[in-house]
Amino acid sequence: MLILTRKTSEKIIIGDSITISLIEIRGDQARIGVEAPKTVKVYREEVFEAIRSENQAAVASNTILPKMDFLKK
């Protein structure tokens, strides 16, 4: 893991198209801005983990849908 120290308004560049800016520091919280192409998904860790859990639960449920032969022409 790369650990960097930044001051307010300083940035971190990742590759050619992602910029992370330190917007504000208040107490023990930092506001961070992320600029990335729309094709790059950016999530907070807890949101990402919730999505992953839901996807794993969907796969594990292994629901078998009934055949709908009547829809075939």
C-alpha atoms as a PDB file:
ATOM      1  CA  MET A   1       0.000   0.000   0.000  1.00  0.00           C
ATOM      2  CA  LEU A   2       1.270   3.437  -0.907  1.00  0.00           C
ATOM      3  CA  ILE A   3       0.701   5.973   1.886  1.00  0.00           C
ATOM      4  CA  LEU A   4       0.814   9.668   0.999  1.00  0.00           C
ATOM      5  CA  THR A   5       0.491  12.843   3.026  1.00  0.00           C
ATOM      6  CA  ARG A   6      -1.547  15.612   1.408  1.00  0.00           C
ATOM      7  CA  LYS A   7      -2.648  19.076   2.474  1.00  0.00           C
ATOM      8  CA  THR A   8      -6.018  20.607   1.635  1.00  0.00           C
ATOM      9  CA  SER A   9      -6.316  21.324  -2.121  1.00  0.00           C
ATOM     10  CA  GLU A  10      -3.455  18.958  -2.990  1.00  0.00           C
ATOM     11  CA  LYS A  11      -4.152  16.109  -5.394  1.00  0.00           C
ATOM     12  CA  ILE A  12      -3.144  12.561  -6.196  1.00  0.00           C
ATOM     13  CA  ILE A  13      -3.111  11.402  -9.824  1.00  0.00           C
ATOM     14  CA  ILE A  14      -3.781   7.748 -10.700  1.00  0.00           C
ATOM     15  CA  GLY A  15      -2.963   6.763 -14.262  1.00  0.00           C
ATOM     16  CA  ASP A  16      -3.983   9.216 -16.950  1.00  0.00           C
ATOM     17  CA  SER A  17      -7.584   9.750 -15.964  1.00  0.00           C
ATOM     18  CA  ILE A  18      -8.192   9.602 -12.201  1.00  0.00           C
ATOM     19  CA  THR A  19      -7.592  12.503  -9.820  1.00  0.00           C
ATOM     20  CA  ILE A  20      -8.169  12.419  -6.069  1.00  0.00           C
ATOM     21  CA  SER A  21      -8.359  15.787  -4.296  1.00  0.00           C
ATOM     22  CA  LEU A  22      -8.267  16.488  -0.588  1.00  0.00           C
ATOM     23  CA  ILE A  23     -11.096  18.999  -0.211  1.00  0.00           C
ATOM     24  CA  GLU A  24     -11.314  19.565   3.530  1.00  0.00           C
ATOM     25  CA  ILE A  25     -10.191  18.180   6.868  1.00  0.00           C
ATOM     26  CA  ARG A  26     -12.487  18.497   9.908  1.00  0.00           C
ATOM     27  CA  GLY A  27     -11.394  16.746  13.060  1.00  0.00           C
ATOM     28  CA  ASP A  28     -10.979  13.064  12.228  1.00  0.00           C
ATOM     29  CA  GLN A  29     -12.756  13.259   8.855  1.00  0.00           C
ATOM     30  CA  ALA A  30     -11.439  14.194   5.442  1.00  0.00           C
ATOM     31  CA  ARG A  31     -13.578  15.190   2.458  1.00  0.00           C
ATOM     32  CA  ILE A  32     -12.147  13.721  -0.717  1.00  0.00           C
ATOM     33  CA  GLY A  33     -13.093  14.428  -4.310  1.00  0.00           C
ATOM     34  CA  VAL A  34     -12.653  11.812  -7.024  1.00  0.00           C
ATOM     35  CA  GLU A  35     -12.569  12.693 -10.715  1.00  0.00           C
ATOM     36  CA  ALA A  36     -12.734   9.635 -12.956  1.00  0.00           C
ATOM     37  CA  PRO A  37     -14.234   8.657 -16.310  1.00  0.00           C
ATOM     38  CA  LYS A  38     -17.852   7.524 -16.159  1.00  0.00           C
ATOM     39  CA  THR A  39     -16.687   4.030 -17.099  1.00  0.00           C
ATOM     40  CA  VAL A  40     -14.774   3.774 -13.797  1.00  0.00           C
ATOM     41  CA  LYS A  41     -17.009   2.824 -10.878  1.00  0.00           C
ATOM     42  CA  VAL A  42     -16.122   4.537  -7.611  1.00  0.00           C
ATOM     43  CA  TYR A  43     -17.715   3.305  -4.363  1.00  0.00           C
ATOM     44  CA  ARG A  44     -17.275   3.830  -0.640  1.00  0.00           C
ATOM     45  CA  GLU A  45     -15.993   0.576   0.831  1.00  0.00           C
ATOM     46  CA  GLU A  46     -19.199  -0.203   2.758  1.00  0.00           C
ATOM     47  CA  VAL A  47     -21.318   0.266  -0.386  1.00  0.00           C
ATOM     48  CA  PHE A  48     -18.972  -1.922  -2.421  1.00  0.00           C
ATOM     49  CA  GLU A  49     -19.141  -4.669   0.229  1.00  0.00           C
ATOM     50  CA  ALA A  50     -22.963  -4.496   0.293  1.00  0.00           C
ATOM     51  CA  ILE A  51     -23.086  -4.879  -3.503  1.00  0.00           C
ATOM     52  CA  ARG A  52     -20.654  -7.796  -3.347  1.00  0.00           C
ATOM     53  CA  SER A  53     -22.719  -9.523  -0.635  1.00  0.00           C
ATOM     54  CA  GLU A  54     -25.937  -9.096  -2.622  1.00  0.00           C
ATOM     55  CA  ASN A  55     -24.288 -10.520  -5.743  1.00  0.00           C
ATOM     56  CA  GLN A  56     -22.910 -13.501  -3.826  1.00  0.00           C
ATOM     57  CA  ALA A  57     -26.316 -14.137  -2.236  1.00  0.00           C
ATOM     58  CA  ALA A  58     -27.977 -14.045  -5.658  1.00  0.00           C
ATOM     59  CA  VAL A  59     -25.525 -16.598  -7.027  1.00  0.00           C
ATOM     60  CA  ALA A  60     -25.844 -18.801  -3.942  1.00  0.00           C
ATOM     61  CA  SER A  61     -29.646 -18.811  -4.068  1.00  0.00           C
ATOM     62  CA  ASN A  62     -29.391 -20.790  -7.309  1.00  0.00           C
ATOM     63  CA  THR A  63     -33.034 -20.068  -8.135  1.00  0.00           C
ATOM     64  CA  ILE A  64     -34.311 -22.139 -11.039  1.00  0.00           C
ATOM     65  CA  LEU A  65     -36.883 -20.319 -13.117  1.00  0.00           C
ATOM     66  CA  PRO A  66     -39.656 -22.293 -14.824  1.00  0.00           C
ATOM     67  CA  LYS A  67     -39.400 -22.841 -18.567  1.00  0.00           C
ATOM     68  CA  MET A  68     -41.619 -20.510 -20.526  1.00  0.00           C
ATOM     69  CA  ASP A  69     -42.003 -22.473 -23.732  1.00  0.00           C
ATOM     70  CA  PHE A  70     -45.250 -20.675 -24.498  1.00  0.00           C
ATOM     71  CA  LEU A  71     -43.228 -17.504 -25.212  1.00  0.00           C
ATOM     72  CA  LYS A  72     -41.430 -19.186 -28.117  1.00  0.00           C
ATOM     73  CA  LYS A  73     -42.930 -18.635 -31.523  1.00  0.00           C
END
